[in-house]
Amino acid sequence: TCTVPRDVRLTAGQETQAAMTLVNDGGWCGISVSQSGPRPYDASMLVQRPQHGRVHVRKVGDVTRVDYIPDARFAGTDAFTVRLVPGNPALRVAVTVQPGAASATAPAPAATPAAAPARR
């Protein structure tokens, strides 16, 4: 499950804030932004990294999609900021990650025991 604003408008040289809520079920959540036209942005730079996940920015047709992928079993809040070119607008995203069914019940992976030496 992914909830994001439908129409995020960026302004050249300014920071726009958006909220994202998702369930940590192993997937991603994305916000789409575009220049007038619509056209995707030419480039991006991650200026604030999330502490509990990864961000991927990519062109998809006429838009630029900013995707967030939470770390496995993470639930809580996170945030990141992406700056786009041209125009230098910034998108600051406040993220709320809810536990998924698997992340709430899955135990942490057990350490693999070392193999015993072979006997001759």
Protein backbone atom coordinates (compact mmCIF):
# COMPACT_ATOMS: atom_id res chain seq x y z
CA THR A 1 0.00 0.00 0.00
CA CYS A 2 1.33 3.43 -0.99
CA THR A 3 -0.31 6.80 -0.34
CA VAL A 4 1.19 9.91 -1.95
CA PRO A 5 -0.14 13.28 -3.13
CA ARG A 6 -1.53 13.05 -6.62
CA ASP A 7 -0.39 16.40 -7.96
CA VAL A 8 2.94 17.66 -6.61
CA ARG A 9 3.85 21.06 -8.08
CA LEU A 10 7.52 22.04 -7.87
CA THR A 11 8.66 25.67 -8.08
CA ALA A 12 12.07 26.61 -9.48
CA GLY A 13 14.58 27.37 -6.74
CA GLN A 14 12.19 26.44 -3.92
CA GLU A 15 11.63 23.41 -1.68
CA THR A 16 8.27 21.64 -1.85
CA GLN A 17 7.22 19.27 0.91
CA ALA A 18 5.23 16.10 0.41
CA ALA A 19 4.14 13.21 2.62
CA MET A 20 4.33 9.50 1.76
CA THR A 21 2.79 6.62 3.70
CA LEU A 22 3.47 3.00 2.85
CA VAL A 23 3.28 -0.51 4.25
CA ASN A 24 6.64 -2.28 4.39
CA ASP A 25 5.70 -5.32 2.33
CA GLY A 26 8.95 -5.55 0.35
CA GLY A 27 7.88 -3.05 -2.33
CA TRP A 28 8.40 0.62 -3.08
CA CYS A 29 6.37 3.82 -3.07
CA GLY A 30 6.79 6.64 -5.59
CA ILE A 31 5.89 10.26 -6.20
CA SER A 32 5.70 11.54 -9.79
CA VAL A 33 6.74 15.08 -10.69
CA SER A 34 7.23 16.81 -14.05
CA GLN A 35 8.09 20.06 -15.73
CA SER A 36 5.42 21.87 -17.74
CA GLY A 37 4.61 20.11 -20.95
CA PRO A 38 4.67 17.60 -19.17
CA ARG A 39 8.32 16.64 -19.42
CA PRO A 40 10.59 14.72 -17.04
CA TYR A 41 13.44 16.50 -15.30
CA ASP A 42 16.90 16.07 -16.85
CA ALA A 43 18.84 15.14 -13.70
CA SER A 44 18.56 14.79 -9.94
CA MET A 45 20.73 14.84 -6.85
CA LEU A 46 19.90 13.29 -3.49
CA VAL A 47 20.79 16.07 -1.03
CA GLN A 48 19.47 14.35 2.11
CA ARG A 49 19.57 10.56 2.25
CA PRO A 50 16.95 8.58 4.12
CA GLN A 51 18.21 6.81 7.25
CA HIS A 52 16.08 3.69 6.83
CA GLY A 53 15.74 3.07 3.10
CA ARG A 54 16.88 3.84 -0.43
CA VAL A 55 15.76 6.40 -3.03
CA HIS A 56 15.76 5.89 -6.79
CA VAL A 57 14.95 8.71 -9.22
CA ARG A 58 14.11 7.80 -12.81
CA LYS A 59 12.36 9.07 -15.90
CA VAL A 60 9.11 7.25 -16.68
CA GLY A 61 7.47 8.58 -19.82
CA ASP A 62 6.59 12.25 -19.34
CA VAL A 63 7.35 12.32 -15.60
CA THR A 64 10.21 11.88 -13.15
CA ARG A 65 9.41 9.29 -10.50
CA VAL A 66 11.00 9.50 -7.04
CA ASP A 67 10.81 6.04 -5.44
CA TYR A 68 11.47 5.14 -1.80
CA ILE A 69 12.27 1.54 -0.75
CA PRO A 70 12.30 0.98 3.03
CA ASP A 71 14.85 -1.30 4.69
CA ALA A 72 13.56 -4.81 5.46
CA ARG A 73 11.48 -4.96 8.66
CA PHE A 74 11.69 -1.16 9.19
CA ALA A 75 8.63 0.65 10.54
CA GLY A 76 8.62 4.29 11.63
CA THR A 77 9.42 7.66 10.08
CA ASP A 78 12.07 8.65 7.58
CA ALA A 79 12.76 11.61 5.28
CA PHE A 80 14.78 12.54 2.22
CA THR A 81 15.30 15.47 -0.14
CA VAL A 82 15.92 15.40 -3.89
CA ARG A 83 17.00 18.41 -5.98
CA LEU A 84 16.08 18.39 -9.69
CA VAL A 85 17.44 20.05 -12.83
CA PRO A 86 16.54 22.29 -14.63
CA GLY A 87 15.21 24.99 -12.34
CA ASN A 88 16.79 23.63 -9.16
CA PRO A 89 13.53 22.79 -7.31
CA ALA A 90 13.80 20.53 -4.27
CA LEU A 91 11.34 17.87 -3.14
CA ARG A 92 11.46 17.04 0.60
CA VAL A 93 9.52 13.90 1.44
CA ALA A 94 8.40 12.92 4.95
CA VAL A 95 7.87 9.16 4.98
CA THR A 96 5.76 7.06 7.34
CA VAL A 97 6.42 3.32 7.05
CA GLN A 98 3.88 0.98 8.59
CA PRO A 99 4.85 -2.62 9.41
CA GLY A 100 3.84 -5.20 6.84
CA ALA A 101 2.39 -8.58 7.78
CA ALA A 102 5.66 -10.34 6.99
CA SER A 103 7.84 -7.74 8.72
CA ALA A 104 5.79 -7.82 11.91
CA THR A 105 5.95 -11.60 12.32
CA ALA A 106 9.11 -12.70 10.54
CA PRO A 107 11.99 -13.53 12.86
CA ALA A 108 15.41 -12.11 12.14
CA PRO A 109 17.51 -14.47 10.01
CA ALA A 110 19.46 -16.95 12.11
CA ALA A 111 23.21 -17.12 11.80
CA THR A 112 24.44 -20.06 9.81
CA PRO A 113 26.58 -22.39 11.95
CA ALA A 114 30.13 -22.93 10.78
CA ALA A 115 30.72 -26.20 9.01
CA ALA A 116 32.47 -28.88 11.04
CA PRO A 117 35.91 -29.90 9.74
CA ALA A 118 35.88 -33.03 7.63
CA ARG A 119 37.14 -36.21 9.38
CA ARG A 120 39.47 -38.63 7.71
